[in-house]
């Protein structure tokens, strides 16, 4: 018959083994999640850069003049300008 100490040692080793497997699973799952988030971050960073370039293009004075002209706007006359 096994001694009580031997049973406790074997049970402890078994629990540690199960714990090690669980920690490995959690680590791998976390690494996959981090990798996916890094990919999404890179995609979003590219989107932000594209939007910044688009905004800069849209705010160019010649673009604004063209859009205003296309919408029927014109420069104000001298009577429309209010001076303090």
C-alpha atoms as a PDB file:
ATOM      1  CA  UNK A   1       0.000   0.000   0.000  1.00  0.00           C
ATOM      2  CA  UNK A   2       1.236   3.466  -0.869  1.00  0.00           C
ATOM      3  CA  UNK A   3       2.037   5.772   1.930  1.00  0.00           C
ATOM      4  CA  UNK A   4      -0.006   8.898   2.461  1.00  0.00           C
ATOM      5  CA  UNK A   5       3.022  11.033   1.616  1.00  0.00           C
ATOM      6  CA  UNK A   6       3.503   9.296  -1.754  1.00  0.00           C
ATOM      7  CA  UNK A   7      -0.153   9.781  -2.676  1.00  0.00           C
ATOM      8  CA  UNK A   8       0.073  13.483  -1.803  1.00  0.00           C
ATOM      9  CA  UNK A   9       3.263  13.901  -3.861  1.00  0.00           C
ATOM     10  CA  UNK A  10       1.728  12.151  -6.877  1.00  0.00           C
ATOM     11  CA  UNK A  11      -1.462  14.221  -6.553  1.00  0.00           C
ATOM     12  CA  UNK A  12       0.616  17.399  -6.278  1.00  0.00           C
ATOM     13  CA  UNK A  13       2.625  16.515  -9.367  1.00  0.00           C
ATOM     14  CA  UNK A  14      -0.609  15.771 -11.237  1.00  0.00           C
ATOM     15  CA  UNK A  15      -2.097  19.137 -10.250  1.00  0.00           C
ATOM     16  CA  UNK A  16       1.078  20.943 -11.265  1.00  0.00           C
ATOM     17  CA  UNK A  17       1.036  19.165 -14.630  1.00  0.00           C
ATOM     18  CA  UNK A  18      -2.586  20.146 -15.246  1.00  0.00           C
ATOM     19  CA  UNK A  19      -1.752  23.701 -14.191  1.00  0.00           C
ATOM     20  CA  UNK A  20       1.183  23.828 -16.577  1.00  0.00           C
ATOM     21  CA  UNK A  21      -0.969  22.659 -19.489  1.00  0.00           C
ATOM     22  CA  UNK A  22      -3.631  25.251 -18.623  1.00  0.00           C
ATOM     23  CA  UNK A  23      -1.045  28.053 -18.391  1.00  0.00           C
ATOM     24  CA  UNK A  24       0.393  27.013 -21.775  1.00  0.00           C
ATOM     25  CA  UNK A  25      -3.081  27.105 -23.318  1.00  0.00           C
ATOM     26  CA  UNK A  26      -3.796  30.551 -21.853  1.00  0.00           C
ATOM     27  CA  UNK A  27      -0.393  31.820 -23.035  1.00  0.00           C
ATOM     28  CA  UNK A  28      -0.981  30.605 -26.599  1.00  0.00           C
ATOM     29  CA  UNK A  29      -4.501  32.027 -26.633  1.00  0.00           C
ATOM     30  CA  UNK A  30      -3.198  35.367 -25.374  1.00  0.00           C
ATOM     31  CA  UNK A  31      -0.399  35.421 -27.961  1.00  0.00           C
ATOM     32  CA  UNK A  32      -2.927  34.820 -30.739  1.00  0.00           C
ATOM     33  CA  UNK A  33      -5.152  37.617 -29.435  1.00  0.00           C
ATOM     34  CA  UNK A  34      -2.193  40.015 -29.229  1.00  0.00           C
ATOM     35  CA  UNK A  35      -1.112  39.095 -32.753  1.00  0.00           C
ATOM     36  CA  UNK A  36      -4.622  39.720 -34.093  1.00  0.00           C
ATOM     37  CA  UNK A  37      -4.839  43.057 -32.279  1.00  0.00           C
ATOM     38  CA  UNK A  38      -1.454  44.112 -33.686  1.00  0.00           C
ATOM     39  CA  UNK A  39      -2.674  43.334 -37.204  1.00  0.00           C
ATOM     40  CA  UNK A  40      -5.841  45.360 -36.602  1.00  0.00           C
ATOM     41  CA  UNK A  41      -3.765  48.214 -35.157  1.00  0.00           C
ATOM     42  CA  UNK A  42      -1.559  48.277 -38.261  1.00  0.00           C
ATOM     43  CA  UNK A  43      -4.606  48.312 -40.546  1.00  0.00           C
ATOM     44  CA  UNK A  44      -6.173  51.144 -38.551  1.00  0.00           C
ATOM     45  CA  UNK A  45      -2.901  53.093 -38.589  1.00  0.00           C
ATOM     46  CA  UNK A  46      -2.855  52.813 -42.395  1.00  0.00           C
ATOM     47  CA  UNK A  47      -6.479  53.971 -42.507  1.00  0.00           C
ATOM     48  CA  UNK A  48      -5.640  56.979 -40.327  1.00  0.00           C
ATOM     49  CA  UNK A  49      -2.735  57.888 -42.602  1.00  0.00           C
ATOM     50  CA  UNK A  50      -4.955  57.615 -45.689  1.00  0.00           C
ATOM     51  CA  UNK A  51      -7.623  59.784 -44.057  1.00  0.00           C
ATOM     52  CA  UNK A  52      -5.024  62.407 -43.083  1.00  0.00           C
ATOM     53  CA  UNK A  53      -3.838  62.555 -46.698  1.00  0.00           C
ATOM     54  CA  UNK A  54      -7.413  62.796 -47.950  1.00  0.00           C
ATOM     55  CA  UNK A  55      -8.181  65.607 -45.485  1.00  0.00           C
ATOM     56  CA  UNK A  56      -5.057  67.509 -46.499  1.00  0.00           C
ATOM     57  CA  UNK A  57      -6.076  67.173 -50.144  1.00  0.00           C
ATOM     58  CA  UNK A  58      -9.620  68.346 -49.452  1.00  0.00           C
ATOM     59  CA  UNK A  59      -8.438  71.396 -47.492  1.00  0.00           C
ATOM     60  CA  UNK A  60      -6.112  72.672 -50.207  1.00  0.00           C
ATOM     61  CA  UNK A  61      -7.126  76.204 -51.219  1.00  0.00           C
ATOM     62  CA  UNK A  62      -7.496  75.320 -54.907  1.00  0.00           C
ATOM     63  CA  UNK A  63      -9.769  72.377 -54.020  1.00  0.00           C
ATOM     64  CA  UNK A  64     -11.905  74.583 -51.770  1.00  0.00           C
ATOM     65  CA  UNK A  65     -12.175  77.241 -54.506  1.00  0.00           C
ATOM     66  CA  UNK A  66     -13.239  74.659 -57.061  1.00  0.00           C
ATOM     67  CA  UNK A  67     -15.851  73.162 -54.723  1.00  0.00           C
ATOM     68  CA  UNK A  68     -17.209  76.603 -53.845  1.00  0.00           C
ATOM     69  CA  UNK A  69     -17.411  77.514 -57.538  1.00  0.00           C
ATOM     70  CA  UNK A  70     -19.177  74.212 -58.311  1.00  0.00           C
ATOM     71  CA  UNK A  71     -21.756  75.036 -55.614  1.00  0.00           C
ATOM     72  CA  UNK A  72     -22.399  78.461 -57.115  1.00  0.00           C
ATOM     73  CA  UNK A  73     -20.499  80.462 -54.516  1.00  0.00           C
ATOM     74  CA  UNK A  74     -18.446  83.509 -55.360  1.00  0.00           C
ATOM     75  CA  UNK A  75     -16.275  86.014 -53.533  1.00  0.00           C
ATOM     76  CA  UNK A  76     -18.267  88.564 -51.506  1.00  0.00           C
ATOM     77  CA  UNK A  77     -18.774  92.034 -52.907  1.00  0.00           C
ATOM     78  CA  UNK A  78     -17.421  95.079 -51.071  1.00  0.00           C
ATOM     79  CA  UNK A  79     -20.891  95.751 -49.599  1.00  0.00           C
ATOM     80  CA  UNK A  80     -21.080  92.235 -48.112  1.00  0.00           C
ATOM     81  CA  UNK A  81     -17.845  92.515 -46.123  1.00  0.00           C
ATOM     82  CA  UNK A  82     -18.255  93.869 -42.589  1.00  0.00           C
ATOM     83  CA  UNK A  83     -15.279  95.728 -41.206  1.00  0.00           C
ATOM     84  CA  UNK A  84     -15.003  96.487 -37.482  1.00  0.00           C
END
